[in-house]
Amino acid sequence: MVWVVVFVVIALGGLAMVICFGISLWRKSQALLDEVGTLLERADELTGLLEQLELASDSDPVRRYVHLNDEDEAEIDVAEMGLSAERAT
């Protein structure tokens, strides 16, 4: 008879642990769903902000500087820099 009581107590303790684990898991899943909802709202806000951006019609950026490689030691003359002869001196 003592063994029956011991097994019943162990079974009730296990059932209580399963119930506590289920409640904890349910709360965590609700928190996760709330965070996913917040993430979707932020994604909508980001989409709205990106739609407000205006892109330049010319997709090729204007080059303002001449970049030389280390191997290329050619001198840049005044005309390549876009200066007149008077302004260069």
PDB file of N, CA and C in Angstrom:
ATOM      1  N   MET A   1       0.817  -1.194   0.000  1.00  0.00           N
ATOM      2  CA  MET A   1       0.000   0.000   0.000  1.00  0.00           C
ATOM      3  C   MET A   1       0.862   1.260   0.000  1.00  0.00           C
ATOM      4  N   VAL A   2       1.993   1.195   0.693  1.00  0.00           N
ATOM      5  CA  VAL A   2       2.889   2.343   0.749  1.00  0.00           C
ATOM      6  C   VAL A   2       3.425   2.639  -0.652  1.00  0.00           C
ATOM      7  N   TRP A   3       3.722   1.574  -1.422  1.00  0.00           N
ATOM      8  CA  TRP A   3       4.250   1.769  -2.772  1.00  0.00           C
ATOM      9  C   TRP A   3       3.237   2.454  -3.686  1.00  0.00           C
ATOM     10  N   VAL A   4       1.991   2.177  -3.499  1.00  0.00           N
ATOM     11  CA  VAL A   4       0.945   2.804  -4.316  1.00  0.00           C
ATOM     12  C   VAL A   4       0.907   4.303  -4.027  1.00  0.00           C
ATOM     13  N   VAL A   5       1.007   4.670  -2.770  1.00  0.00           N
ATOM     14  CA  VAL A   5       0.980   6.085  -2.392  1.00  0.00           C
ATOM     15  C   VAL A   5       2.223   6.793  -2.962  1.00  0.00           C
ATOM     16  N   VAL A   6       3.368   6.134  -2.901  1.00  0.00           N
ATOM     17  CA  VAL A   6       4.595   6.731  -3.430  1.00  0.00           C
ATOM     18  C   VAL A   6       4.456   6.964  -4.938  1.00  0.00           C
ATOM     19  N   PHE A   7       3.957   5.984  -5.674  1.00  0.00           N
ATOM     20  CA  PHE A   7       3.798   6.140  -7.114  1.00  0.00           C
ATOM     21  C   PHE A   7       2.758   7.202  -7.462  1.00  0.00           C
ATOM     22  N   VAL A   8       1.694   7.301  -6.687  1.00  0.00           N
ATOM     23  CA  VAL A   8       0.669   8.325  -6.930  1.00  0.00           C
ATOM     24  C   VAL A   8       1.253   9.716  -6.687  1.00  0.00           C
ATOM     25  N   VAL A   9       2.047   9.861  -5.630  1.00  0.00           N
ATOM     26  CA  VAL A   9       2.668  11.158  -5.330  1.00  0.00           C
ATOM     27  C   VAL A   9       3.646  11.538  -6.440  1.00  0.00           C
ATOM     28  N   ILE A  10       4.437  10.574  -6.902  1.00  0.00           N
ATOM     29  CA  ILE A  10       5.375  10.833  -8.005  1.00  0.00           C
ATOM     30  C   ILE A  10       4.613  11.206  -9.270  1.00  0.00           C
ATOM     31  N   ALA A  11       3.534  10.509  -9.566  1.00  0.00           N
ATOM     32  CA  ALA A  11       2.728  10.802 -10.754  1.00  0.00           C
ATOM     33  C   ALA A  11       2.106  12.195 -10.657  1.00  0.00           C
ATOM     34  N   LEU A  12       1.595  12.573  -9.489  1.00  0.00           N
ATOM     35  CA  LEU A  12       1.011  13.906  -9.323  1.00  0.00           C
ATOM     36  C   LEU A  12       2.085  14.999  -9.447  1.00  0.00           C
ATOM     37  N   GLY A  13       3.270  14.717  -8.915  1.00  0.00           N
ATOM     38  CA  GLY A  13       4.373  15.673  -9.069  1.00  0.00           C
ATOM     39  C   GLY A  13       4.767  15.827 -10.527  1.00  0.00           C
ATOM     40  N   GLY A  14       4.826  14.737 -11.254  1.00  0.00           N
ATOM     41  CA  GLY A  14       5.133  14.796 -12.682  1.00  0.00           C
ATOM     42  C   GLY A  14       4.062  15.546 -13.455  1.00  0.00           C
ATOM     43  N   LEU A  15       2.791  15.321 -13.100  1.00  0.00           N
ATOM     44  CA  LEU A  15       1.691  16.030 -13.752  1.00  0.00           C
ATOM     45  C   LEU A  15       1.779  17.529 -13.475  1.00  0.00           C
ATOM     46  N   ALA A  16       2.119  17.893 -12.245  1.00  0.00           N
ATOM     47  CA  ALA A  16       2.279  19.311 -11.906  1.00  0.00           C
ATOM     48  C   ALA A  16       3.425  19.928 -12.703  1.00  0.00           C
ATOM     49  N   MET A  17       4.515  19.193 -12.884  1.00  0.00           N
ATOM     50  CA  MET A  17       5.647  19.700 -13.658  1.00  0.00           C
ATOM     51  C   MET A  17       5.271  19.886 -15.136  1.00  0.00           C
ATOM     52  N   VAL A  18       4.513  18.950 -15.668  1.00  0.00           N
ATOM     53  CA  VAL A  18       4.075  19.072 -17.069  1.00  0.00           C
ATOM     54  C   VAL A  18       3.163  20.274 -17.236  1.00  0.00           C
ATOM     55  N   ILE A  19       2.272  20.497 -16.284  1.00  0.00           N
ATOM     56  CA  ILE A  19       1.361  21.649 -16.350  1.00  0.00           C
ATOM     57  C   ILE A  19       2.151  22.954 -16.253  1.00  0.00           C
ATOM     58  N   CYS A  20       3.114  23.032 -15.330  1.00  0.00           N
ATOM     59  CA  CYS A  20       3.940  24.240 -15.197  1.00  0.00           C
ATOM     60  C   CYS A  20       4.753  24.483 -16.463  1.00  0.00           C
ATOM     61  N   PHE A  21       5.303  23.432 -17.032  1.00  0.00           N
ATOM     62  CA  PHE A  21       6.064  23.568 -18.268  1.00  0.00           C
ATOM     63  C   PHE A  21       5.165  24.040 -19.408  1.00  0.00           C
ATOM     64  N   GLY A  22       3.965  23.517 -19.485  1.00  0.00           N
ATOM     65  CA  GLY A  22       3.020  23.929 -20.528  1.00  0.00           C
ATOM     66  C   GLY A  22       2.645  25.399 -20.401  1.00  0.00           C
ATOM     67  N   ILE A  23       2.402  25.851 -19.169  1.00  0.00           N
ATOM     68  CA  ILE A  23       2.067  27.264 -18.949  1.00  0.00           C
ATOM     69  C   ILE A  23       3.245  28.152 -19.330  1.00  0.00           C
ATOM     70  N   SER A  24       4.441  27.758 -18.936  1.00  0.00           N
ATOM     71  CA  SER A  24       5.635  28.531 -19.274  1.00  0.00           C
ATOM     72  C   SER A  24       5.830  28.594 -20.788  1.00  0.00           C
ATOM     73  N   LEU A  25       5.655  27.475 -21.445  1.00  0.00           N
ATOM     74  CA  LEU A  25       5.798  27.431 -22.895  1.00  0.00           C
ATOM     75  C   LEU A  25       4.744  28.289 -23.575  1.00  0.00           C
ATOM     76  N   TRP A  26       3.531  28.287 -23.072  1.00  0.00           N
ATOM     77  CA  TRP A  26       2.454  29.100 -23.642  1.00  0.00           C
ATOM     78  C   TRP A  26       2.774  30.588 -23.499  1.00  0.00           C
ATOM     79  N   ARG A  27       3.275  30.992 -22.328  1.00  0.00           N
ATOM     80  CA  ARG A  27       3.615  32.402 -22.120  1.00  0.00           C
ATOM     81  C   ARG A  27       4.758  32.835 -23.036  1.00  0.00           C
ATOM     82  N   LYS A  28       5.747  31.976 -23.194  1.00  0.00           N
ATOM     83  CA  LYS A  28       6.855  32.310 -24.073  1.00  0.00           C
ATOM     84  C   LYS A  28       6.413  32.394 -25.528  1.00  0.00           C
ATOM     85  N   SER A  29       5.501  31.524 -25.924  1.00  0.00           N
ATOM     86  CA  SER A  29       5.017  31.579 -27.308  1.00  0.00           C
ATOM     87  C   SER A  29       4.203  32.848 -27.541  1.00  0.00           C
ATOM     88  N   GLN A  30       3.436  33.291 -26.541  1.00  0.00           N
ATOM     89  CA  GLN A  30       2.687  34.544 -26.670  1.00  0.00           C
ATOM     90  C   GLN A  30       3.633  35.735 -26.779  1.00  0.00           C
ATOM     91  N   ALA A  31       4.700  35.728 -25.986  1.00  0.00           N
ATOM     92  CA  ALA A  31       5.680  36.804 -26.066  1.00  0.00           C
ATOM     93  C   ALA A  31       6.375  36.809 -27.431  1.00  0.00           C
ATOM     94  N   LEU A  32       6.661  35.631 -27.948  1.00  0.00           N
ATOM     95  CA  LEU A  32       7.284  35.530 -29.267  1.00  0.00           C
ATOM     96  C   LEU A  32       6.354  36.061 -30.351  1.00  0.00           C
ATOM     97  N   LEU A  33       5.087  35.730 -30.281  1.00  0.00           N
ATOM     98  CA  LEU A  33       4.123  36.226 -31.266  1.00  0.00           C
ATOM     99  C   LEU A  33       3.978  37.739 -31.179  1.00  0.00           C
ATOM    100  N   ASP A  34       4.030  38.295 -29.966  1.00  0.00           N
ATOM    101  CA  ASP A  34       3.986  39.745 -29.817  1.00  0.00           C
ATOM    102  C   ASP A  34       5.203  40.397 -30.471  1.00  0.00           C
ATOM    103  N   GLU A  35       6.373  39.811 -30.289  1.00  0.00           N
ATOM    104  CA  GLU A  35       7.582  40.351 -30.895  1.00  0.00           C
ATOM    105  C   GLU A  35       7.541  40.235 -32.418  1.00  0.00           C
ATOM    106  N   VAL A  36       6.988  39.163 -32.933  1.00  0.00           N
ATOM    107  CA  VAL A  36       6.851  39.018 -34.390  1.00  0.00           C
ATOM    108  C   VAL A  36       5.899  40.086 -34.922  1.00  0.00           C
ATOM    109  N   GLY A  37       4.826  40.365 -34.192  1.00  0.00           N
ATOM    110  CA  GLY A  37       3.903  41.437 -34.592  1.00  0.00           C
ATOM    111  C   GLY A  37       4.593  42.787 -34.610  1.00  0.00           C
ATOM    112  N   THR A  38       5.410  43.052 -33.591  1.00  0.00           N
ATOM    113  CA  THR A  38       6.165  44.302 -33.553  1.00  0.00           C
ATOM    114  C   THR A  38       7.138  44.387 -34.718  1.00  0.00           C
ATOM    115  N   LEU A  39       7.792  43.270 -35.025  1.00  0.00           N
ATOM    116  CA  LEU A  39       8.727  43.230 -36.155  1.00  0.00           C
ATOM    117  C   LEU A  39       8.006  43.511 -37.472  1.00  0.00           C
ATOM    118  N   LEU A  40       6.827  42.972 -37.648  1.00  0.00           N
ATOM    119  CA  LEU A  40       6.069  43.221 -38.877  1.00  0.00           C
ATOM    120  C   LEU A  40       5.644  44.677 -38.970  1.00  0.00           C
ATOM    121  N   GLU A  41       5.268  45.289 -37.836  1.00  0.00           N
ATOM    122  CA  GLU A  41       4.911  46.710 -37.839  1.00  0.00           C
ATOM    123  C   GLU A  41       6.107  47.559 -38.229  1.00  0.00           C
ATOM    124  N   ARG A  42       7.276  47.226 -37.689  1.00  0.00           N
ATOM    125  CA  ARG A  42       8.482  47.987 -38.024  1.00  0.00           C
ATOM    126  C   ARG A  42       8.840  47.795 -39.497  1.00  0.00           C
ATOM    127  N   ALA A  43       8.619  46.602 -40.022  1.00  0.00           N
ATOM    128  CA  ALA A  43       8.897  46.358 -41.439  1.00  0.00           C
ATOM    129  C   ALA A  43       7.977  47.203 -42.312  1.00  0.00           C
ATOM    130  N   ASP A  44       6.710  47.337 -41.899  1.00  0.00           N
ATOM    131  CA  ASP A  44       5.789  48.201 -42.643  1.00  0.00           C
ATOM    132  C   ASP A  44       6.238  49.653 -42.592  1.00  0.00           C
ATOM    133  N   GLU A  45       6.697  50.104 -41.421  1.00  0.00           N
ATOM    134  CA  GLU A  45       7.188  51.477 -41.294  1.00  0.00           C
ATOM    135  C   GLU A  45       8.413  51.687 -42.179  1.00  0.00           C
ATOM    136  N   LEU A  46       9.312  50.709 -42.204  1.00  0.00           N
ATOM    137  CA  LEU A  46      10.510  50.804 -43.038  1.00  0.00           C
ATOM    138  C   LEU A  46      10.136  50.846 -44.514  1.00  0.00           C
ATOM    139  N   THR A  47       9.163  50.049 -44.901  1.00  0.00           N
ATOM    140  CA  THR A  47       8.709  50.053 -46.296  1.00  0.00           C
ATOM    141  C   THR A  47       8.150  51.424 -46.663  1.00  0.00           C
ATOM    142  N   GLY A  48       7.376  52.011 -45.760  1.00  0.00           N
ATOM    143  CA  GLY A  48       6.841  53.347 -46.008  1.00  0.00           C
ATOM    144  C   GLY A  48       7.933  54.392 -46.141  1.00  0.00           C
ATOM    145  N   LEU A  49       8.954  54.298 -45.297  1.00  0.00           N
ATOM    146  CA  LEU A  49      10.062  55.247 -45.387  1.00  0.00           C
ATOM    147  C   LEU A  49      10.861  55.062 -46.672  1.00  0.00           C
ATOM    148  N   LEU A  50      11.066  53.809 -47.065  1.00  0.00           N
ATOM    149  CA  LEU A  50      11.812  53.554 -48.295  1.00  0.00           C
ATOM    150  C   LEU A  50      11.059  54.019 -49.533  1.00  0.00           C
ATOM    151  N   GLU A  51       9.731  53.962 -49.483  1.00  0.00           N
ATOM    152  CA  GLU A  51       8.937  54.438 -50.612  1.00  0.00           C
ATOM    153  C   GLU A  51       9.032  55.947 -50.764  1.00  0.00           C
ATOM    154  N   GLN A  52       9.348  56.660 -49.678  1.00  0.00           N
ATOM    155  CA  GLN A  52       9.445  58.106 -49.735  1.00  0.00           C
ATOM    156  C   GLN A  52      10.772  58.576 -50.324  1.00  0.00           C
ATOM    157  N   LEU A  53      11.750  57.686 -50.418  1.00  0.00           N
ATOM    158  CA  LEU A  53      13.037  58.071 -50.976  1.00  0.00           C
ATOM    159  C   LEU A  53      12.923  58.289 -52.479  1.00  0.00           C
ATOM    160  N   GLU A  54      13.612  59.306 -52.942  1.00  0.00           N
ATOM    161  CA  GLU A  54      13.640  59.577 -54.377  1.00  0.00           C
ATOM    162  C   GLU A  54      15.013  59.197 -54.902  1.00  0.00           C
ATOM    163  N   LEU A  55      15.046  58.345 -55.899  1.00  0.00           N
ATOM    164  CA  LEU A  55      16.304  57.930 -56.492  1.00  0.00           C
ATOM    165  C   LEU A  55      16.651  58.856 -57.647  1.00  0.00           C
ATOM    166  N   ALA A  56      17.928  59.088 -57.832  1.00  0.00           N
ATOM    167  CA  ALA A  56      18.375  59.934 -58.935  1.00  0.00           C
ATOM    168  C   ALA A  56      18.061  59.252 -60.255  1.00  0.00           C
ATOM    169  N   SER A  57      17.718  60.060 -61.254  1.00  0.00           N
ATOM    170  CA  SER A  57      17.372  59.474 -62.550  1.00  0.00           C
ATOM    171  C   SER A  57      18.599  58.888 -63.241  1.00  0.00           C
ATOM    172  N   ASP A  58      19.779  59.461 -62.987  1.00  0.00           N
ATOM    173  CA  ASP A  58      21.011  58.940 -63.564  1.00  0.00           C
ATOM    174  C   ASP A  58      21.643  58.007 -62.542  1.00  0.00           C
ATOM    175  N   SER A  59      21.686  56.740 -62.844  1.00  0.00           N
ATOM    176  CA  SER A  59      22.187  55.774 -61.881  1.00  0.00           C
ATOM    177  C   SER A  59      23.711  55.732 -61.831  1.00  0.00           C
ATOM    178  N   ASP A  60      24.399  56.342 -62.815  1.00  0.00           N
ATOM    179  CA  ASP A  60      25.858  56.350 -62.833  1.00  0.00           C
ATOM    180  C   ASP A  60      26.340  57.557 -62.033  1.00  0.00           C
ATOM    181  N   PRO A  61      27.066  57.343 -60.944  1.00  0.00           N
ATOM    182  CA  PRO A  61      27.508  58.484 -60.138  1.00  0.00           C
ATOM    183  C   PRO A  61      28.531  59.333 -60.881  1.00  0.00           C
ATOM    184  N   VAL A  62      28.512  60.611 -60.604  1.00  0.00           N
ATOM    185  CA  VAL A  62      29.436  61.535 -61.249  1.00  0.00           C
ATOM    186  C   VAL A  62      30.804  61.358 -60.606  1.00  0.00           C
ATOM    187  N   ARG A  63      31.813  61.198 -61.434  1.00  0.00           N
ATOM    188  CA  ARG A  63      33.173  61.056 -60.916  1.00  0.00           C
ATOM    189  C   ARG A  63      33.777  62.440 -60.776  1.00  0.00           C
ATOM    190  N   ARG A  64      34.202  62.744 -59.589  1.00  0.00           N
ATOM    191  CA  ARG A  64      34.784  64.053 -59.342  1.00  0.00           C
ATOM    192  C   ARG A  64      36.288  63.985 -59.171  1.00  0.00           C
ATOM    193  N   TYR A  65      36.807  62.821 -58.864  1.00  0.00           N
ATOM    194  CA  TYR A  65      38.232  62.676 -58.615  1.00  0.00           C
ATOM    195  C   TYR A  65      38.805  61.611 -59.530  1.00  0.00           C
ATOM    196  N   VAL A  66      40.025  61.827 -59.941  1.00  0.00           N
ATOM    197  CA  VAL A  66      40.718  60.841 -60.749  1.00  0.00           C
ATOM    198  C   VAL A  66      41.503  59.955 -59.802  1.00  0.00           C
ATOM    199  N   HIS A  67      41.261  58.661 -59.849  1.00  0.00           N
ATOM    200  CA  HIS A  67      41.965  57.719 -58.994  1.00  0.00           C
ATOM    201  C   HIS A  67      43.059  57.036 -59.807  1.00  0.00           C
ATOM    202  N   LEU A  68      44.292  57.152 -59.323  1.00  0.00           N
ATOM    203  CA  LEU A  68      45.409  56.537 -60.012  1.00  0.00           C
ATOM    204  C   LEU A  68      45.856  55.302 -59.246  1.00  0.00           C
ATOM    205  N   ASN A  69      46.247  54.302 -59.982  1.00  0.00           N
ATOM    206  CA  ASN A  69      46.832  53.118 -59.360  1.00  0.00           C
ATOM    207  C   ASN A  69      48.271  53.419 -58.988  1.00  0.00           C
ATOM    208  N   ASP A  70      48.854  52.597 -58.137  1.00  0.00           N
ATOM    209  CA  ASP A  70      50.256  52.771 -57.778  1.00  0.00           C
ATOM    210  C   ASP A  70      51.161  52.554 -58.982  1.00  0.00           C
ATOM    211  N   GLU A  71      50.741  51.711 -59.903  1.00  0.00           N
ATOM    212  CA  GLU A  71      51.544  51.414 -61.083  1.00  0.00           C
ATOM    213  C   GLU A  71      51.507  52.570 -62.084  1.00  0.00           C
ATOM    214  N   ASP A  72      50.435  53.314 -62.054  1.00  0.00           N
ATOM    215  CA  ASP A  72      50.270  54.412 -63.002  1.00  0.00           C
ATOM    216  C   ASP A  72      50.843  55.679 -62.383  1.00  0.00           C
ATOM    217  N   GLU A  73      52.008  56.094 -62.848  1.00  0.00           N
ATOM    218  CA  GLU A  73      52.671  57.264 -62.288  1.00  0.00           C
ATOM    219  C   GLU A  73      52.591  58.454 -63.231  1.00  0.00           C
ATOM    220  N   ALA A  74      51.593  58.446 -64.084  1.00  0.00           N
ATOM    221  CA  ALA A  74      51.441  59.554 -65.016  1.00  0.00           C
ATOM    222  C   ALA A  74      50.986  60.782 -64.238  1.00  0.00           C
ATOM    223  N   GLU A  75      51.496  61.921 -64.643  1.00  0.00           N
ATOM    224  CA  GLU A  75      51.117  63.156 -63.989  1.00  0.00           C
ATOM    225  C   GLU A  75      49.792  63.651 -64.541  1.00  0.00           C
ATOM    226  N   ILE A  76      49.023  64.237 -63.668  1.00  0.00           N
ATOM    227  CA  ILE A  76      47.747  64.796 -64.086  1.00  0.00           C
ATOM    228  C   ILE A  76      48.019  66.231 -64.541  1.00  0.00           C
ATOM    229  N   ASP A  77      47.697  66.517 -65.779  1.00  0.00           N
ATOM    230  CA  ASP A  77      47.939  67.873 -66.238  1.00  0.00           C
ATOM    231  C   ASP A  77      46.767  68.770 -65.850  1.00  0.00           C
ATOM    232  N   VAL A  78      46.912  70.026 -66.114  1.00  0.00           N
ATOM    233  CA  VAL A  78      45.943  71.023 -65.681  1.00  0.00           C
ATOM    234  C   VAL A  78      44.577  70.772 -66.306  1.00  0.00           C
ATOM    235  N   ALA A  79      44.527  70.336 -67.557  1.00  0.00           N
ATOM    236  CA  ALA A  79      43.252  70.131 -68.234  1.00  0.00           C
ATOM    237  C   ALA A  79      42.468  68.976 -67.618  1.00  0.00           C
ATOM    238  N   GLU A  80      43.160  67.937 -67.171  1.00  0.00           N
ATOM    239  CA  GLU A  80      42.455  66.808 -66.573  1.00  0.00           C
ATOM    240  C   GLU A  80      41.829  67.176 -65.239  1.00  0.00           C
ATOM    241  N   MET A  81      42.413  68.142 -64.558  1.00  0.00           N
ATOM    242  CA  MET A  81      41.868  68.550 -63.266  1.00  0.00           C
ATOM    243  C   MET A  81      40.721  69.551 -63.425  1.00  0.00           C
ATOM    244  N   GLY A  82      40.479  70.008 -64.640  1.00  0.00           N
ATOM    245  CA  GLY A  82      39.377  70.911 -64.878  1.00  0.00           C
ATOM    246  C   GLY A  82      39.691  72.349 -64.505  1.00  0.00           C
ATOM    247  N   LEU A  83      40.984  72.706 -64.480  1.00  0.00           N
ATOM    248  CA  LEU A  83      41.388  74.055 -64.127  1.00  0.00           C
ATOM    249  C   LEU A  83      41.893  74.775 -65.366  1.00  0.00           C
ATOM    250  N   SER A  84      41.782  76.067 -65.330  1.00  0.00           N
ATOM    251  CA  SER A  84      42.376  76.854 -66.413  1.00  0.00           C
ATOM    252  C   SER A  84      43.846  77.096 -66.061  1.00  0.00           C
ATOM    253  N   ALA A  85      44.608  77.556 -67.016  1.00  0.00           N
ATOM    254  CA  ALA A  85      46.031  77.775 -66.798  1.00  0.00           C
ATOM    255  C   ALA A  85      46.273  78.848 -65.757  1.00  0.00           C
ATOM    256  N   GLU A  86      45.413  79.879 -65.698  1.00  0.00           N
ATOM    257  CA  GLU A  86      45.595  80.963 -64.743  1.00  0.00           C
ATOM    258  C   GLU A  86      45.327  80.493 -63.318  1.00  0.00           C
ATOM    259  N   ARG A  87      44.328  79.653 -63.148  1.00  0.00           N
ATOM    260  CA  ARG A  87      43.953  79.192 -61.802  1.00  0.00           C
ATOM    261  C   ARG A  87      44.898  78.129 -61.270  1.00  0.00           C
ATOM    262  N   ALA A  88      45.644  77.454 -62.148  1.00  0.00           N
ATOM    263  CA  ALA A  88      46.524  76.375 -61.739  1.00  0.00           C
ATOM    264  C   ALA A  88      47.757  76.893 -61.039  1.00  0.00           C
ATOM    265  N   THR A  89      48.140  78.131 -61.310  1.00  0.00           N
ATOM    266  CA  THR A  89      49.359  78.652 -60.687  1.00  0.00           C
ATOM    267  C   THR A  89      49.084  79.482 -59.483  1.00  0.00           C
TER     268      THR A  89
END
